[in-house]
C-alpha atoms as a PDB file:
ATOM      1  CA  MET A   1      16.429 -18.851 -52.324  1.00  0.00           C
ATOM      2  CA  ASN A   2      14.861 -17.999 -49.343  1.00  0.00           C
ATOM      3  CA  ARG A   3      12.867 -15.042 -49.974  1.00  0.00           C
ATOM      4  CA  LYS A   4      10.774 -13.216 -47.316  1.00  0.00           C
ATOM      5  CA  HIS A   5       6.912 -12.512 -48.219  1.00  0.00           C
ATOM      6  CA  VAL A   6       5.982  -9.002 -48.240  1.00  0.00           C
ATOM      7  CA  GLY A   7       5.194  -8.296 -44.605  1.00  0.00           C
ATOM      8  CA  SER A   8       7.574 -10.315 -42.818  1.00  0.00           C
ATOM      9  CA  SER A   9       9.435  -8.708 -40.596  1.00  0.00           C
ATOM     10  CA  PHE A  10      12.024  -8.971 -37.847  1.00  0.00           C
ATOM     11  CA  PHE A  11       9.362  -9.966 -35.401  1.00  0.00           C
ATOM     12  CA  ASP A  12       8.222 -13.060 -37.594  1.00  0.00           C
ATOM     13  CA  ASP A  13      12.216 -14.034 -37.458  1.00  0.00           C
ATOM     14  CA  VAL A  14      12.091 -13.761 -33.791  1.00  0.00           C
ATOM     15  CA  LYS A  15       9.014 -15.684 -33.211  1.00  0.00           C
ATOM     16  CA  ARG A  16      10.334 -18.968 -35.845  1.00  0.00           C
ATOM     17  CA  TRP A  17      13.662 -18.787 -33.879  1.00  0.00           C
ATOM     18  CA  GLU A  18      11.927 -19.039 -30.608  1.00  0.00           C
ATOM     19  CA  LYS A  19       9.869 -21.955 -31.498  1.00  0.00           C
ATOM     20  CA  GLU A  20      13.145 -23.754 -33.161  1.00  0.00           C
ATOM     21  CA  ASP A  21      15.776 -22.947 -30.552  1.00  0.00           C
ATOM     22  CA  PRO A  22      14.783 -23.630 -27.035  1.00  0.00           C
ATOM     23  CA  THR A  23      18.154 -21.818 -26.107  1.00  0.00           C
ATOM     24  CA  PHE A  24      17.205 -18.768 -28.172  1.00  0.00           C
ATOM     25  CA  ARG A  25      14.005 -18.668 -25.961  1.00  0.00           C
ATOM     26  CA  LYS A  26      15.655 -19.012 -23.011  1.00  0.00           C
ATOM     27  CA  ALA A  27      18.127 -16.129 -24.231  1.00  0.00           C
ATOM     28  CA  VAL A  28      15.342 -13.620 -25.032  1.00  0.00           C
ATOM     29  CA  ASP A  29      13.237 -14.725 -21.691  1.00  0.00           C
ATOM     30  CA  GLU A  30      16.223 -13.623 -19.741  1.00  0.00           C
ATOM     31  CA  HIS A  31      16.868 -10.310 -21.526  1.00  0.00           C
ATOM     32  CA  VAL A  32      13.193  -9.669 -21.147  1.00  0.00           C
ATOM     33  CA  GLU A  33      13.312 -10.261 -17.256  1.00  0.00           C
ATOM     34  CA  LYS A  34      16.727  -8.232 -17.080  1.00  0.00           C
ATOM     35  CA  ALA A  35      15.038  -5.251 -18.747  1.00  0.00           C
ATOM     36  CA  LYS A  36      11.975  -5.299 -16.277  1.00  0.00           C
ATOM     37  CA  LEU A  37      14.501  -5.113 -13.430  1.00  0.00           C
ATOM     38  CA  ALA A  38      16.248  -2.465 -15.013  1.00  0.00           C
ATOM     39  CA  LYS A  39      13.039  -0.394 -15.586  1.00  0.00           C
ATOM     40  CA  MET A  40      11.854  -1.110 -11.856  1.00  0.00           C
ATOM     41  CA  LEU A  41      15.133  -0.051 -10.363  1.00  0.00           C
ATOM     42  CA  LYS A  42      15.534   2.991 -12.679  1.00  0.00           C
ATOM     43  CA  ASP A  43      11.847   3.888 -11.973  1.00  0.00           C
ATOM     44  CA  ILE A  44      12.606   3.575  -8.121  1.00  0.00           C
ATOM     45  CA  ARG A  45      15.636   5.811  -8.538  1.00  0.00           C
ATOM     46  CA  GLY A  46      13.808   8.362 -10.277  1.00  0.00           C
ATOM     47  CA  HIS A  47      11.139   8.397  -7.871  1.00  0.00           C
ATOM     48  CA  GLU A  48      13.658   8.618  -4.660  1.00  0.00           C
ATOM     49  CA  HIS A  49      15.491  10.963  -6.233  1.00  0.00           C
ATOM     50  CA  LEU A  50      18.802   9.038  -6.039  1.00  0.00           C
ATOM     51  CA  SER A  51      21.847   8.725  -8.121  1.00  0.00           C
ATOM     52  CA  GLN A  52      23.506   5.411  -8.881  1.00  0.00           C
ATOM     53  CA  ALA A  53      25.968   6.305  -6.578  1.00  0.00           C
ATOM     54  CA  GLN A  54      23.598   7.502  -3.878  1.00  0.00           C
ATOM     55  CA  LEU A  55      21.579   4.201  -4.136  1.00  0.00           C
ATOM     56  CA  ALA A  56      24.550   1.926  -4.149  1.00  0.00           C
ATOM     57  CA  GLU A  57      26.261   3.785  -0.859  1.00  0.00           C
ATOM     58  CA  LYS A  58      22.849   3.045   0.770  1.00  0.00           C
ATOM     59  CA  ALA A  59      22.715  -0.570  -0.426  1.00  0.00           C
ATOM     60  CA  HIS A  60      26.513  -0.899   0.356  1.00  0.00           C
ATOM     61  CA  VAL A  61      27.185  -1.968  -3.373  1.00  0.00           C
ATOM     62  CA  THR A  62      29.324  -0.211  -5.637  1.00  0.00           C
ATOM     63  CA  GLN A  63      27.879   2.292  -8.395  1.00  0.00           C
ATOM     64  CA  SER A  64      28.660  -0.189 -11.068  1.00  0.00           C
ATOM     65  CA  VAL A  65      26.673  -3.086  -9.591  1.00  0.00           C
ATOM     66  CA  ILE A  66      23.559  -0.467  -9.886  1.00  0.00           C
ATOM     67  CA  ALA A  67      24.628   0.282 -13.580  1.00  0.00           C
ATOM     68  CA  ARG A  68      24.982  -3.290 -14.715  1.00  0.00           C
ATOM     69  CA  ILE A  69      21.422  -4.231 -13.160  1.00  0.00           C
ATOM     70  CA  GLU A  70      19.911  -0.892 -14.828  1.00  0.00           C
ATOM     71  CA  THR A  71      21.677  -1.681 -18.135  1.00  0.00           C
ATOM     72  CA  GLY A  72      21.164  -5.243 -18.485  1.00  0.00           C
ATOM     73  CA  LYS A  73      25.083  -5.458 -19.184  1.00  0.00           C
ATOM     74  CA  SER A  74      25.197  -8.213 -16.239  1.00  0.00           C
ATOM     75  CA  ARG A  75      25.546 -11.767 -17.813  1.00  0.00           C
ATOM     76  CA  THR A  76      22.787 -12.962 -15.583  1.00  0.00           C
ATOM     77  CA  LEU A  77      20.176 -11.922 -13.404  1.00  0.00           C
ATOM     78  CA  PRO A  78      20.906 -10.204 -10.152  1.00  0.00           C
ATOM     79  CA  ARG A  79      20.548 -12.394  -7.165  1.00  0.00           C
ATOM     80  CA  LEU A  80      17.314 -12.138  -5.389  1.00  0.00           C
ATOM     81  CA  ASP A  81      19.217 -11.334  -2.172  1.00  0.00           C
ATOM     82  CA  LEU A  82      20.946  -8.650  -3.830  1.00  0.00           C
ATOM     83  CA  PHE A  83      18.348  -6.996  -5.513  1.00  0.00           C
ATOM     84  CA  ASN A  84      16.255  -7.008  -2.127  1.00  0.00           C
ATOM     85  CA  ARG A  85      18.928  -5.284  -0.440  1.00  0.00           C
ATOM     86  CA  ILE A  86      18.873  -2.587  -2.915  1.00  0.00           C
ATOM     87  CA  LEU A  87      14.791  -2.195  -2.683  1.00  0.00           C
ATOM     88  CA  HIS A  88      15.235  -1.878   0.781  1.00  0.00           C
ATOM     89  CA  SER A  89      17.932   0.434   0.885  1.00  0.00           C
ATOM     90  CA  ALA A  90      15.498   2.745  -0.894  1.00  0.00           C
ATOM     91  CA  GLY A  91      12.750   2.157   1.078  1.00  0.00           C
ATOM     92  CA  TYR A  92      10.763  -0.413  -0.591  1.00  0.00           C
ATOM     93  CA  GLU A  93       9.688  -3.804   0.361  1.00  0.00           C
ATOM     94  CA  THR A  94      10.443  -7.092  -1.765  1.00  0.00           C
ATOM     95  CA  LEU A  95       7.201  -9.319  -2.428  1.00  0.00           C
ATOM     96  CA  ILE A  96       7.247 -12.514  -4.180  1.00  0.00           C
ATOM     97  CA  VAL A  97       3.899 -13.347  -5.643  1.00  0.00           C
ATOM     98  CA  ALA A  98       2.869 -16.785  -7.045  1.00  0.00           C
ATOM     99  CA  LYS A  99      -0.768 -17.012  -9.008  1.00  0.00           C
ATOM    100  CA  LYS A 100      -2.342 -19.990 -10.419  1.00  0.00           C
ATOM    101  CA  LYS A 101      -5.876 -20.183 -11.614  1.00  0.00           C
ATOM    102  CA  GLY A 102      -7.424 -17.648  -9.142  1.00  0.00           C
ATOM    103  CA  ARG A 103      -5.208 -18.907  -6.234  1.00  0.00           C
ATOM    104  CA  THR A 104      -2.333 -16.100  -4.981  1.00  0.00           C
ATOM    105  CA  ILE A 105       0.091 -16.527  -2.372  1.00  0.00           C
ATOM    106  CA  GLN A 106       2.321 -13.555  -1.785  1.00  0.00           C
ATOM    107  CA  VAL A 107       5.592 -13.551   0.364  1.00  0.00           C
ATOM    108  CA  ALA A 108       7.259 -10.441   1.843  1.00  0.00           C
ATOM    109  CA  LEU A 109      11.025 -10.655   1.794  1.00  0.00           C
ATOM    110  CA  PRO A 110      12.639  -9.285   4.964  1.00  0.00           C
END
């Protein structure tokens, strides 16, 4: 019987699964990325006092597109051009930053 030692937790299991299964690791990474984008979009909407419907109208997308991004219910990450359009419609600039050992390259998307 495979018994857990005292002090082991769900997070210990997750760490073990990540090491053993690359597919699981990829799914966890994608979930984390979607959660970060969701939080960013919610924070922007809150700061700008926009409802999902108002932001969707400005970005020329449906309200359900905004909702899927904010809830992480989409099967994939939002396309960069779509996310950029949504951010621009709220008055934000999209920056892509690459860093490596003290070197930073930054590009603003149109």
